[in-house]
Amino acid sequence: LRTLFLALALLLLAACSAPTPEPTPEPRWLPRPGTAWQWQL
């Protein structure tokens, strides 16, 4: 049991210390031909 608890503790420690993955950046918006628009300056 001690061995099992030790293994679980090590797994939890590793999970907590693992770097948080960087969020995947959203792809750029690519407007398609024929997209309607308004131009107001």
PDB file of all heavy atoms in Angstrom:
ATOM      1  N   LEU A   1       0.831  -1.207   0.000  1.00  0.00           N
ATOM      2  CA  LEU A   1       0.000   0.000   0.000  1.00  0.00           C
ATOM      3  C   LEU A   1       0.860   1.250   0.000  1.00  0.00           C
ATOM      4  O   LEU A   1       0.562   2.234  -0.688  1.00  0.00           O
ATOM      5  CB  LEU A   1      -0.926  -0.004   1.216  1.00  0.00           C
ATOM      6  CG  LEU A   1      -2.081  -1.015   1.166  1.00  0.00           C
ATOM      7  CD1 LEU A   1      -2.805  -1.041   2.502  1.00  0.00           C
ATOM      8  CD2 LEU A   1      -3.051  -0.651   0.042  1.00  0.00           C
ATOM      9  N   ARG A   2       1.945   1.183   0.772  1.00  0.00           N
ATOM     10  CA  ARG A   2       2.839   2.340   0.801  1.00  0.00           C
ATOM     11  C   ARG A   2       3.426   2.610  -0.578  1.00  0.00           C
ATOM     12  O   ARG A   2       3.546   3.762  -1.021  1.00  0.00           O
ATOM     13  CB  ARG A   2       3.967   2.119   1.810  1.00  0.00           C
ATOM     14  CG  ARG A   2       3.507   2.213   3.262  1.00  0.00           C
ATOM     15  CD  ARG A   2       4.641   1.883   4.190  1.00  0.00           C
ATOM     16  NE  ARG A   2       4.233   1.975   5.593  1.00  0.00           N
ATOM     17  CZ  ARG A   2       4.963   1.558   6.607  1.00  0.00           C
ATOM     18  NH1 ARG A   2       6.148   0.985   6.369  1.00  0.00           N
ATOM     19  NH2 ARG A   2       4.536   1.695   7.841  1.00  0.00           N
ATOM     20  N   THR A   3       3.803   1.531  -1.228  1.00  0.00           N
ATOM     21  CA  THR A   3       4.360   1.673  -2.587  1.00  0.00           C
ATOM     22  C   THR A   3       3.336   2.278  -3.531  1.00  0.00           C
ATOM     23  O   THR A   3       3.638   3.154  -4.356  1.00  0.00           O
ATOM     24  CB  THR A   3       4.818   0.308  -3.118  1.00  0.00           C
ATOM     25  OG1 THR A   3       5.791  -0.239  -2.221  1.00  0.00           O
ATOM     26  CG2 THR A   3       5.414   0.443  -4.506  1.00  0.00           C
ATOM     27  N   LEU A   4       2.075   1.818  -3.402  1.00  0.00           N
ATOM     28  CA  LEU A   4       1.009   2.320  -4.274  1.00  0.00           C
ATOM     29  C   LEU A   4       0.771   3.804  -4.018  1.00  0.00           C
ATOM     30  O   LEU A   4       0.650   4.603  -4.950  1.00  0.00           O
ATOM     31  CB  LEU A   4      -0.270   1.521  -4.028  1.00  0.00           C
ATOM     32  CG  LEU A   4      -1.502   1.939  -4.861  1.00  0.00           C
ATOM     33  CD1 LEU A   4      -1.213   1.819  -6.352  1.00  0.00           C
ATOM     34  CD2 LEU A   4      -2.703   1.084  -4.476  1.00  0.00           C
ATOM     35  N   PHE A   5       0.676   4.186  -2.734  1.00  0.00           N
ATOM     36  CA  PHE A   5       0.454   5.596  -2.402  1.00  0.00           C
ATOM     37  C   PHE A   5       1.615   6.466  -2.873  1.00  0.00           C
ATOM     38  O   PHE A   5       1.417   7.592  -3.348  1.00  0.00           O
ATOM     39  CB  PHE A   5       0.257   5.759  -0.892  1.00  0.00           C
ATOM     40  CG  PHE A   5      -1.096   5.319  -0.410  1.00  0.00           C
ATOM     41  CD1 PHE A   5      -1.224   4.489   0.698  1.00  0.00           C
ATOM     42  CD2 PHE A   5      -2.256   5.729  -1.068  1.00  0.00           C
ATOM     43  CE1 PHE A   5      -2.476   4.080   1.132  1.00  0.00           C
ATOM     44  CE2 PHE A   5      -3.508   5.322  -0.624  1.00  0.00           C
ATOM     45  CZ  PHE A   5      -3.623   4.492   0.466  1.00  0.00           C
ATOM     46  N   LEU A   6       2.816   5.959  -2.755  1.00  0.00           N
ATOM     47  CA  LEU A   6       3.985   6.715  -3.205  1.00  0.00           C
ATOM     48  C   LEU A   6       3.937   6.934  -4.710  1.00  0.00           C
ATOM     49  O   LEU A   6       4.222   8.029  -5.209  1.00  0.00           O
ATOM     50  CB  LEU A   6       5.268   5.969  -2.805  1.00  0.00           C
ATOM     51  CG  LEU A   6       6.575   6.643  -3.226  1.00  0.00           C
ATOM     52  CD1 LEU A   6       6.699   8.030  -2.591  1.00  0.00           C
ATOM     53  CD2 LEU A   6       7.770   5.769  -2.817  1.00  0.00           C
ATOM     54  N   ALA A   7       3.553   5.900  -5.463  1.00  0.00           N
ATOM     55  CA  ALA A   7       3.453   6.021  -6.918  1.00  0.00           C
ATOM     56  C   ALA A   7       2.388   7.041  -7.307  1.00  0.00           C
ATOM     57  O   ALA A   7       2.585   7.866  -8.211  1.00  0.00           O
ATOM     58  CB  ALA A   7       3.132   4.661  -7.535  1.00  0.00           C
ATOM     59  N   LEU A   8       1.238   7.012  -6.604  1.00  0.00           N
ATOM     60  CA  LEU A   8       0.177   7.977  -6.897  1.00  0.00           C
ATOM     61  C   LEU A   8       0.625   9.395  -6.582  1.00  0.00           C
ATOM     62  O   LEU A   8       0.332  10.339  -7.329  1.00  0.00           O
ATOM     63  CB  LEU A   8      -1.068   7.623  -6.093  1.00  0.00           C
ATOM     64  CG  LEU A   8      -1.844   6.376  -6.543  1.00  0.00           C
ATOM     65  CD1 LEU A   8      -2.932   6.036  -5.538  1.00  0.00           C
ATOM     66  CD2 LEU A   8      -2.439   6.597  -7.935  1.00  0.00           C
ATOM     67  N   ALA A   9       1.342   9.549  -5.481  1.00  0.00           N
ATOM     68  CA  ALA A   9       1.825  10.877  -5.103  1.00  0.00           C
ATOM     69  C   ALA A   9       2.790  11.422  -6.151  1.00  0.00           C
ATOM     70  O   ALA A   9       2.762  12.607  -6.501  1.00  0.00           O
ATOM     71  CB  ALA A   9       2.499  10.820  -3.736  1.00  0.00           C
ATOM     72  N   LEU A  10       3.667  10.547  -6.646  1.00  0.00           N
ATOM     73  CA  LEU A  10       4.611  10.984  -7.673  1.00  0.00           C
ATOM     74  C   LEU A  10       3.906  11.374  -8.958  1.00  0.00           C
ATOM     75  O   LEU A  10       4.284  12.342  -9.628  1.00  0.00           O
ATOM     76  CB  LEU A  10       5.628   9.866  -7.939  1.00  0.00           C
ATOM     77  CG  LEU A  10       6.621   9.592  -6.813  1.00  0.00           C
ATOM     78  CD1 LEU A  10       7.463   8.350  -7.130  1.00  0.00           C
ATOM     79  CD2 LEU A  10       7.536  10.803  -6.604  1.00  0.00           C
ATOM     80  N   LEU A  11       2.853  10.638  -9.313  1.00  0.00           N
ATOM     81  CA  LEU A  11       2.079  10.978 -10.509  1.00  0.00           C
ATOM     82  C   LEU A  11       1.392  12.327 -10.359  1.00  0.00           C
ATOM     83  O   LEU A  11       1.373  13.148 -11.288  1.00  0.00           O
ATOM     84  CB  LEU A  11       1.050   9.887 -10.802  1.00  0.00           C
ATOM     85  CG  LEU A  11       1.578   8.569 -11.372  1.00  0.00           C
ATOM     86  CD1 LEU A  11       0.467   7.525 -11.417  1.00  0.00           C
ATOM     87  CD2 LEU A  11       2.157   8.788 -12.773  1.00  0.00           C
ATOM     88  N   LEU A  12       0.797  12.564  -9.178  1.00  0.00           N
ATOM     89  CA  LEU A  12       0.141  13.849  -8.941  1.00  0.00           C
ATOM     90  C   LEU A  12       1.133  14.990  -8.963  1.00  0.00           C
ATOM     91  O   LEU A  12       0.858  16.068  -9.505  1.00  0.00           O
ATOM     92  CB  LEU A  12      -0.592  13.813  -7.594  1.00  0.00           C
ATOM     93  CG  LEU A  12      -1.862  12.954  -7.541  1.00  0.00           C
ATOM     94  CD1 LEU A  12      -2.350  12.845  -6.100  1.00  0.00           C
ATOM     95  CD2 LEU A  12      -2.942  13.572  -8.420  1.00  0.00           C
ATOM     96  N   LEU A  13       2.302  14.767  -8.375  1.00  0.00           N
ATOM     97  CA  LEU A  13       3.339  15.793  -8.369  1.00  0.00           C
ATOM     98  C   LEU A  13       3.785  16.122  -9.784  1.00  0.00           C
ATOM     99  O   LEU A  13       3.959  17.286 -10.154  1.00  0.00           O
ATOM    100  CB  LEU A  13       4.527  15.327  -7.529  1.00  0.00           C
ATOM    101  CG  LEU A  13       5.694  16.317  -7.401  1.00  0.00           C
ATOM    102  CD1 LEU A  13       5.225  17.603  -6.725  1.00  0.00           C
ATOM    103  CD2 LEU A  13       6.840  15.688  -6.622  1.00  0.00           C
ATOM    104  N   ALA A  14       3.950  15.092 -10.590  1.00  0.00           N
ATOM    105  CA  ALA A  14       4.368  15.314 -11.977  1.00  0.00           C
ATOM    106  C   ALA A  14       3.307  16.074 -12.756  1.00  0.00           C
ATOM    107  O   ALA A  14       3.604  16.965 -13.552  1.00  0.00           O
ATOM    108  CB  ALA A  14       4.651  13.966 -12.654  1.00  0.00           C
ATOM    109  N   ALA A  15       2.043  15.732 -12.500  1.00  0.00           N
ATOM    110  CA  ALA A  15       0.952  16.416 -13.212  1.00  0.00           C
ATOM    111  C   ALA A  15       0.890  17.882 -12.817  1.00  0.00           C
ATOM    112  O   ALA A  15       0.650  18.760 -13.655  1.00  0.00           O
ATOM    113  CB  ALA A  15      -0.376  15.732 -12.921  1.00  0.00           C
ATOM    114  N   CYS A  16       1.086  18.169 -11.520  1.00  0.00           N
ATOM    115  CA  CYS A  16       1.009  19.551 -11.052  1.00  0.00           C
ATOM    116  C   CYS A  16       2.176  20.390 -11.551  1.00  0.00           C
ATOM    117  O   CYS A  16       2.048  21.593 -11.763  1.00  0.00           O
ATOM    118  CB  CYS A  16       0.966  19.595  -9.526  1.00  0.00           C
ATOM    119  SG  CYS A  16      -0.578  18.912  -8.855  1.00  0.00           S
ATOM    120  N   SER A  17       3.334  19.755 -11.692  1.00  0.00           N
ATOM    121  CA  SER A  17       4.523  20.507 -12.089  1.00  0.00           C
ATOM    122  C   SER A  17       4.692  20.596 -13.599  1.00  0.00           C
ATOM    123  O   SER A  17       5.557  21.312 -14.088  1.00  0.00           O
ATOM    124  CB  SER A  17       5.776  19.865 -11.476  1.00  0.00           C
ATOM    125  OG  SER A  17       5.915  18.523 -11.943  1.00  0.00           O
ATOM    126  N   ALA A  18       3.873  19.871 -14.355  1.00  0.00           N
ATOM    127  CA  ALA A  18       3.996  19.921 -15.820  1.00  0.00           C
ATOM    128  C   ALA A  18       3.613  21.295 -16.324  1.00  0.00           C
ATOM    129  O   ALA A  18       2.672  21.921 -15.827  1.00  0.00           O
ATOM    130  CB  ALA A  18       3.085  18.860 -16.453  1.00  0.00           C
ATOM    131  N   PRO A  19       4.342  21.825 -17.296  1.00  0.00           N
ATOM    132  CA  PRO A  19       4.015  23.151 -17.825  1.00  0.00           C
ATOM    133  C   PRO A  19       2.642  23.153 -18.480  1.00  0.00           C
ATOM    134  O   PRO A  19       2.238  22.188 -19.121  1.00  0.00           O
ATOM    135  CB  PRO A  19       5.120  23.410 -18.860  1.00  0.00           C
ATOM    136  CG  PRO A  19       5.624  22.049 -19.234  1.00  0.00           C
ATOM    137  CD  PRO A  19       5.479  21.212 -18.002  1.00  0.00           C
ATOM    138  N   THR A  20       1.911  24.266 -18.267  1.00  0.00           N
ATOM    139  CA  THR A  20       0.597  24.409 -18.903  1.00  0.00           C
ATOM    140  C   THR A  20       0.793  24.611 -20.399  1.00  0.00           C
ATOM    141  O   THR A  20       1.574  25.474 -20.809  1.00  0.00           O
ATOM    142  CB  THR A  20      -0.150  25.622 -18.320  1.00  0.00           C
ATOM    143  OG1 THR A  20      -0.260  25.450 -16.907  1.00  0.00           O
ATOM    144  CG2 THR A  20      -1.529  25.767 -18.946  1.00  0.00           C
ATOM    145  N   PRO A  21       0.135  23.809 -21.212  1.00  0.00           N
ATOM    146  CA  PRO A  21       0.334  23.968 -22.653  1.00  0.00           C
ATOM    147  C   PRO A  21      -0.157  25.320 -23.133  1.00  0.00           C
ATOM    148  O   PRO A  21      -1.153  25.853 -22.644  1.00  0.00           O
ATOM    149  CB  PRO A  21      -0.509  22.826 -23.255  1.00  0.00           C
ATOM    150  CG  PRO A  21      -1.510  22.493 -22.197  1.00  0.00           C
ATOM    151  CD  PRO A  21      -0.825  22.751 -20.888  1.00  0.00           C
ATOM    152  N   GLU A  22       0.583  25.905 -24.074  1.00  0.00           N
ATOM    153  CA  GLU A  22       0.183  27.180 -24.647  1.00  0.00           C
ATOM    154  C   GLU A  22      -1.110  27.007 -25.441  1.00  0.00           C
ATOM    155  O   GLU A  22      -1.270  26.021 -26.154  1.00  0.00           O
ATOM    156  CB  GLU A  22       1.280  27.710 -25.582  1.00  0.00           C
ATOM    157  CG  GLU A  22       2.555  28.129 -24.870  1.00  0.00           C
ATOM    158  CD  GLU A  22       2.352  29.384 -24.041  1.00  0.00           C
ATOM    159  OE1 GLU A  22       1.506  30.212 -24.426  1.00  0.00           O
ATOM    160  OE2 GLU A  22       3.023  29.519 -23.008  1.00  0.00           O
ATOM    161  N   PRO A  23      -2.043  27.967 -25.322  1.00  0.00           N
ATOM    162  CA  PRO A  23      -3.269  27.856 -26.113  1.00  0.00           C
ATOM    163  C   PRO A  23      -2.970  27.944 -27.603  1.00  0.00           C
ATOM    164  O   PRO A  23      -2.091  28.701 -28.022  1.00  0.00           O
ATOM    165  CB  PRO A  23      -4.101  29.057 -25.646  1.00  0.00           C
ATOM    166  CG  PRO A  23      -3.103  30.015 -25.064  1.00  0.00           C
ATOM    167  CD  PRO A  23      -2.009  29.166 -24.486  1.00  0.00           C
ATOM    168  N   THR A  24      -3.664  27.163 -28.379  1.00  0.00           N
ATOM    169  CA  THR A  24      -3.453  27.190 -29.818  1.00  0.00           C
ATOM    170  C   THR A  24      -4.009  28.490 -30.384  1.00  0.00           C
ATOM    171  O   THR A  24      -5.179  28.814 -30.158  1.00  0.00           O
ATOM    172  CB  THR A  24      -4.171  25.997 -30.493  1.00  0.00           C
ATOM    173  OG1 THR A  24      -3.670  24.794 -29.915  1.00  0.00           O
ATOM    174  CG2 THR A  24      -3.935  26.001 -31.990  1.00  0.00           C
ATOM    175  N   PRO A  25      -3.185  29.283 -31.088  1.00  0.00           N
ATOM    176  CA  PRO A  25      -3.694  30.543 -31.620  1.00  0.00           C
ATOM    177  C   PRO A  25      -4.777  30.297 -32.659  1.00  0.00           C
ATOM    178  O   PRO A  25      -4.722  29.324 -33.417  1.00  0.00           O
ATOM    179  CB  PRO A  25      -2.443  31.183 -32.261  1.00  0.00           C
ATOM    180  CG  PRO A  25      -1.508  30.042 -32.518  1.00  0.00           C
ATOM    181  CD  PRO A  25      -1.775  29.039 -31.439  1.00  0.00           C
ATOM    182  N   GLU A  26      -5.772  31.176 -32.659  1.00  0.00           N
ATOM    183  CA  GLU A  26      -6.832  31.052 -33.643  1.00  0.00           C
ATOM    184  C   GLU A  26      -6.291  31.370 -35.029  1.00  0.00           C
ATOM    185  O   GLU A  26      -5.457  32.267 -35.173  1.00  0.00           O
ATOM    186  CB  GLU A  26      -7.980  31.998 -33.298  1.00  0.00           C
ATOM    187  CG  GLU A  26      -8.714  31.644 -32.023  1.00  0.00           C
ATOM    188  CD  GLU A  26      -9.927  32.522 -31.810  1.00  0.00           C
ATOM    189  OE1 GLU A  26     -10.274  33.278 -32.731  1.00  0.00           O
ATOM    190  OE2 GLU A  26     -10.522  32.432 -30.728  1.00  0.00           O
ATOM    191  N   PRO A  27      -6.744  30.647 -36.037  1.00  0.00           N
ATOM    192  CA  PRO A  27      -6.273  30.946 -37.388  1.00  0.00           C
ATOM    193  C   PRO A  27      -6.753  32.320 -37.835  1.00  0.00           C
ATOM    194  O   PRO A  27      -7.789  32.812 -37.375  1.00  0.00           O
ATOM    195  CB  PRO A  27      -6.900  29.831 -38.231  1.00  0.00           C
ATOM    196  CG  PRO A  27      -8.092  29.383 -37.445  1.00  0.00           C
ATOM    197  CD  PRO A  27      -7.713  29.547 -36.002  1.00  0.00           C
ATOM    198  N   ARG A  28      -5.971  32.947 -38.700  1.00  0.00           N
ATOM    199  CA  ARG A  28      -6.380  34.245 -39.223  1.00  0.00           C
ATOM    200  C   ARG A  28      -7.685  34.124 -40.005  1.00  0.00           C
ATOM    201  O   ARG A  28      -7.935  33.123 -40.671  1.00  0.00           O
ATOM    202  CB  ARG A  28      -5.311  34.820 -40.160  1.00  0.00           C
ATOM    203  CG  ARG A  28      -4.045  35.276 -39.496  1.00  0.00           C
ATOM    204  CD  ARG A  28      -3.243  36.183 -40.423  1.00  0.00           C
ATOM    205  NE  ARG A  28      -3.030  35.639 -41.742  1.00  0.00           N
ATOM    206  CZ  ARG A  28      -2.027  34.846 -42.102  1.00  0.00           C
ATOM    207  NH1 ARG A  28      -1.152  34.468 -41.191  1.00  0.00           N
ATOM    208  NH2 ARG A  28      -1.903  34.418 -43.337  1.00  0.00           N
ATOM    209  N   TRP A  29      -8.477  35.155 -39.919  1.00  0.00           N
ATOM    210  CA  TRP A  29      -9.703  35.234 -40.707  1.00  0.00           C
ATOM    211  C   TRP A  29      -9.333  35.437 -42.177  1.00  0.00           C
ATOM    212  O   TRP A  29      -8.540  36.312 -42.514  1.00  0.00           O
ATOM    213  CB  TRP A  29     -10.550  36.398 -40.211  1.00  0.00           C
ATOM    214  CG  TRP A  29     -11.709  36.728 -41.105  1.00  0.00           C
ATOM    215  CD1 TRP A  29     -12.732  35.908 -41.458  1.00  0.00           C
ATOM    216  CD2 TRP A  29     -11.961  37.984 -41.746  1.00  0.00           C
ATOM    217  NE1 TRP A  29     -13.610  36.570 -42.286  1.00  0.00           N
ATOM    218  CE2 TRP A  29     -13.163  37.845 -42.476  1.00  0.00           C
ATOM    219  CE3 TRP A  29     -11.290  39.214 -41.775  1.00  0.00           C
ATOM    220  CZ2 TRP A  29     -13.700  38.891 -43.226  1.00  0.00           C
ATOM    221  CZ3 TRP A  29     -11.824  40.249 -42.509  1.00  0.00           C
ATOM    222  CH2 TRP A  29     -13.016  40.086 -43.227  1.00  0.00           C
ATOM    223  N   LEU A  30      -9.893  34.618 -43.047  1.00  0.00           N
ATOM    224  CA  LEU A  30      -9.605  34.702 -44.479  1.00  0.00           C
ATOM    225  C   LEU A  30     -10.920  34.880 -45.234  1.00  0.00           C
ATOM    226  O   LEU A  30     -11.624  33.912 -45.504  1.00  0.00           O
ATOM    227  CB  LEU A  30      -8.879  33.435 -44.955  1.00  0.00           C
ATOM    228  CG  LEU A  30      -7.546  33.131 -44.258  1.00  0.00           C
ATOM    229  CD1 LEU A  30      -6.990  31.799 -44.729  1.00  0.00           C
ATOM    230  CD2 LEU A  30      -6.542  34.262 -44.523  1.00  0.00           C
ATOM    231  N   PRO A  31     -11.280  36.117 -45.573  1.00  0.00           N
ATOM    232  CA  PRO A  31     -12.558  36.353 -46.258  1.00  0.00           C
ATOM    233  C   PRO A  31     -12.565  35.747 -47.658  1.00  0.00           C
ATOM    234  O   PRO A  31     -11.588  35.853 -48.398  1.00  0.00           O
ATOM    235  CB  PRO A  31     -12.664  37.880 -46.312  1.00  0.00           C
ATOM    236  CG  PRO A  31     -11.258  38.367 -46.190  1.00  0.00           C
ATOM    237  CD  PRO A  31     -10.540  37.365 -45.341  1.00  0.00           C
ATOM    238  N   ARG A  32     -13.658  35.128 -48.010  1.00  0.00           N
ATOM    239  CA  ARG A  32     -13.789  34.435 -49.286  1.00  0.00           C
ATOM    240  C   ARG A  32     -14.369  35.359 -50.354  1.00  0.00           C
ATOM    241  O   ARG A  32     -15.049  36.337 -50.047  1.00  0.00           O
ATOM    242  CB  ARG A  32     -14.697  33.210 -49.123  1.00  0.00           C
ATOM    243  CG  ARG A  32     -14.307  32.292 -47.989  1.00  0.00           C
ATOM    244  CD  ARG A  32     -12.971  31.649 -48.196  1.00  0.00           C
ATOM    245  NE  ARG A  32     -12.974  30.744 -49.338  1.00  0.00           N
ATOM    246  CZ  ARG A  32     -11.898  30.097 -49.798  1.00  0.00           C
ATOM    247  NH1 ARG A  32     -10.730  30.291 -49.226  1.00  0.00           N
ATOM    248  NH2 ARG A  32     -11.988  29.280 -50.811  1.00  0.00           N
ATOM    249  N   PRO A  33     -14.131  35.056 -51.615  1.00  0.00           N
ATOM    250  CA  PRO A  33     -14.701  35.879 -52.692  1.00  0.00           C
ATOM    251  C   PRO A  33     -16.218  35.988 -52.579  1.00  0.00           C
ATOM    252  O   PRO A  33     -16.905  35.023 -52.252  1.00  0.00           O
ATOM    253  CB  PRO A  33     -14.288  35.122 -53.962  1.00  0.00           C
ATOM    254  CG  PRO A  33     -13.036  34.402 -53.583  1.00  0.00           C
ATOM    255  CD  PRO A  33     -13.234  33.998 -52.156  1.00  0.00           C
ATOM    256  N   GLY A  34     -16.715  37.187 -52.842  1.00  0.00           N
ATOM    257  CA  GLY A  34     -18.149  37.422 -52.801  1.00  0.00           C
ATOM    258  C   GLY A  34     -18.697  37.818 -51.448  1.00  0.00           C
ATOM    259  O   GLY A  34     -19.896  38.071 -51.321  1.00  0.00           O
ATOM    260  N   THR A  35     -17.859  37.896 -50.423  1.00  0.00           N
ATOM    261  CA  THR A  35     -18.312  38.286 -49.091  1.00  0.00           C
ATOM    262  C   THR A  35     -18.782  39.738 -49.095  1.00  0.00           C
ATOM    263  O   THR A  35     -18.025  40.636 -49.465  1.00  0.00           O
ATOM    264  CB  THR A  35     -17.179  38.116 -48.057  1.00  0.00           C
ATOM    265  OG1 THR A  35     -16.712  36.773 -48.079  1.00  0.00           O
ATOM    266  CG2 THR A  35     -17.660  38.468 -46.662  1.00  0.00           C
ATOM    267  N   ALA A  36     -20.008  39.979 -48.684  1.00  0.00           N
ATOM    268  CA  ALA A  36     -20.554  41.342 -48.671  1.00  0.00           C
ATOM    269  C   ALA A  36     -19.908  42.161 -47.544  1.00  0.00           C
ATOM    270  O   ALA A  36     -19.526  41.616 -46.505  1.00  0.00           O
ATOM    271  CB  ALA A  36     -22.065  41.299 -48.498  1.00  0.00           C
ATOM    272  N   TRP A  37     -19.837  43.479 -47.761  1.00  0.00           N
ATOM    273  CA  TRP A  37     -19.161  44.317 -46.779  1.00  0.00           C
ATOM    274  C   TRP A  37     -19.732  45.718 -46.751  1.00  0.00           C
ATOM    275  O   TRP A  37     -20.437  46.145 -47.661  1.00  0.00           O
ATOM    276  CB  TRP A  37     -17.656  44.368 -47.054  1.00  0.00           C
ATOM    277  CG  TRP A  37     -17.253  45.121 -48.313  1.00  0.00           C
ATOM    278  CD1 TRP A  37     -17.766  44.967 -49.575  1.00  0.00           C
ATOM    279  CD2 TRP A  37     -16.254  46.137 -48.411  1.00  0.00           C
ATOM    280  NE1 TRP A  37     -17.131  45.811 -50.450  1.00  0.00           N
ATOM    281  CE2 TRP A  37     -16.200  46.546 -49.761  1.00  0.00           C
ATOM    282  CE3 TRP A  37     -15.386  46.725 -47.494  1.00  0.00           C
ATOM    283  CZ2 TRP A  37     -15.310  47.519 -50.219  1.00  0.00           C
ATOM    284  CZ3 TRP A  37     -14.500  47.698 -47.952  1.00  0.00           C
ATOM    285  CH2 TRP A  37     -14.464  48.086 -49.300  1.00  0.00           C
ATOM    286  N   GLN A  38     -19.409  46.438 -45.654  1.00  0.00           N
ATOM    287  CA  GLN A  38     -19.696  47.851 -45.520  1.00  0.00           C
ATOM    288  C   GLN A  38     -18.390  48.559 -45.200  1.00  0.00           C
ATOM    289  O   GLN A  38     -17.588  48.082 -44.378  1.00  0.00           O
ATOM    290  CB  GLN A  38     -20.717  48.105 -44.415  1.00  0.00           C
ATOM    291  CG  GLN A  38     -20.848  49.540 -43.933  1.00  0.00           C
ATOM    292  CD  GLN A  38     -21.405  50.511 -44.970  1.00  0.00           C
ATOM    293  OE1 GLN A  38     -21.059  50.441 -46.158  1.00  0.00           O
ATOM    294  NE2 GLN A  38     -22.254  51.411 -44.537  1.00  0.00           N
ATOM    295  N   TRP A  39     -18.175  49.691 -45.870  1.00  0.00           N
ATOM    296  CA  TRP A  39     -16.971  50.498 -45.664  1.00  0.00           C
ATOM    297  C   TRP A  39     -17.421  51.852 -45.164  1.00  0.00           C
ATOM    298  O   TRP A  39     -17.966  52.645 -45.926  1.00  0.00           O
ATOM    299  CB  TRP A  39     -16.227  50.616 -46.982  1.00  0.00           C
ATOM    300  CG  TRP A  39     -14.810  51.082 -46.895  1.00  0.00           C
ATOM    301  CD1 TRP A  39     -14.010  51.103 -45.800  1.00  0.00           C
ATOM    302  CD2 TRP A  39     -14.019  51.558 -47.989  1.00  0.00           C
ATOM    303  NE1 TRP A  39     -12.760  51.572 -46.127  1.00  0.00           N
ATOM    304  CE2 TRP A  39     -12.750  51.847 -47.457  1.00  0.00           C
ATOM    305  CE3 TRP A  39     -14.260  51.760 -49.334  1.00  0.00           C
ATOM    306  CZ2 TRP A  39     -11.714  52.351 -48.253  1.00  0.00           C
ATOM    307  CZ3 TRP A  39     -13.228  52.249 -50.128  1.00  0.00           C
ATOM    308  CH2 TRP A  39     -11.968  52.540 -49.599  1.00  0.00           C
ATOM    309  N   GLN A  40     -17.224  52.112 -43.870  1.00  0.00           N
ATOM    310  CA  GLN A  40     -17.644  53.383 -43.289  1.00  0.00           C
ATOM    311  C   GLN A  40     -16.492  53.988 -42.502  1.00  0.00           C
ATOM    312  O   GLN A  40     -16.147  53.516 -41.419  1.00  0.00           O
ATOM    313  CB  GLN A  40     -18.878  53.215 -42.383  1.00  0.00           C
ATOM    314  CG  GLN A  40     -19.395  54.565 -41.889  1.00  0.00           C
ATOM    315  CD  GLN A  40     -20.493  54.463 -40.861  1.00  0.00           C
ATOM    316  OE1 GLN A  40     -21.136  53.424 -40.695  1.00  0.00           O
ATOM    317  NE2 GLN A  40     -20.724  55.548 -40.145  1.00  0.00           N
ATOM    318  N   LEU A  41     -15.934  55.060 -43.039  1.00  0.00           N
ATOM    319  CA  LEU A  41     -14.835  55.742 -42.368  1.00  0.00           C
ATOM    320  C   LEU A  41     -15.246  57.083 -41.791  1.00  0.00           C
ATOM    321  O   LEU A  41     -14.430  57.763 -41.164  1.00  0.00           O
ATOM    322  CB  LEU A  41     -13.662  55.951 -43.347  1.00  0.00           C
ATOM    323  CG  LEU A  41     -13.073  54.697 -43.977  1.00  0.00           C
ATOM    324  CD1 LEU A  41     -11.854  55.051 -44.831  1.00  0.00           C
ATOM    325  CD2 LEU A  41     -12.705  53.652 -42.939  1.00  0.00           C
TER     326      LEU A  41
END
